[in-house]
Protein backbone atom coordinates (compact mmCIF):
# COMPACT_ATOMS: atom_id res chain seq x y z
CA MET A 1 40.19 176.34 129.67
CA THR A 2 43.24 176.55 131.84
CA ASP A 3 44.43 179.17 134.27
CA ARG A 4 48.11 178.54 133.68
CA TRP A 5 50.16 176.31 131.37
CA GLY A 6 53.70 175.76 130.21
CA VAL A 7 56.28 173.53 128.56
CA THR A 8 59.32 172.21 130.41
CA PRO A 9 62.15 170.58 128.41
CA ARG A 10 63.62 167.42 129.96
CA LEU A 11 67.19 167.88 131.15
CA ASP A 12 68.40 164.77 129.31
CA GLY A 13 67.10 166.15 125.98
CA SER A 14 64.66 163.26 125.48
CA GLY A 15 61.57 165.43 125.13
CA LYS A 16 59.43 167.83 127.05
CA THR A 17 56.57 167.94 129.53
CA VAL A 18 53.47 170.03 128.82
CA TRP A 19 51.60 170.96 132.00
CA PHE A 20 48.51 172.94 132.92
CA GLU A 21 46.65 174.08 136.03
CA CYS A 22 42.92 174.59 136.48
CA LEU A 23 41.95 176.58 139.54
CA ALA A 24 38.72 175.67 141.32
CA LYS A 25 35.99 178.31 141.40
CA ALA A 26 33.39 178.76 144.11
CA PRO A 27 29.79 178.24 142.88
CA ASP A 28 28.97 181.96 143.16
CA GLU A 29 31.86 182.73 140.78
CA LEU A 30 30.68 180.37 138.04
CA VAL A 31 29.14 181.79 134.91
CA LYS A 32 25.63 180.45 134.39
CA GLY A 33 25.34 178.26 131.33
CA VAL A 34 29.07 177.55 131.12
CA VAL A 35 29.61 175.16 134.03
CA SER A 36 26.93 172.93 135.52
CA LEU A 37 27.22 171.46 139.00
CA ALA A 38 24.27 169.11 138.37
CA PRO A 39 25.05 165.42 137.89
CA PRO A 40 24.56 164.01 134.39
CA PRO A 41 21.20 162.37 133.66
CA ALA A 42 20.85 158.64 134.26
CA PRO A 43 21.19 156.48 131.13
CA ASN A 44 18.03 155.05 129.57
CA PRO A 45 17.67 151.29 130.08
């Protein structure tokens, strides 16, 4: 998910740049079950 995105053509006509922005959310604004702040589990040896 992105908060904002766009496409900017290069001035020399050689292509384009696709860009996106993701805004940070405070923990109390996160939807439970969608984003986890817990670290991933350790791998099994």
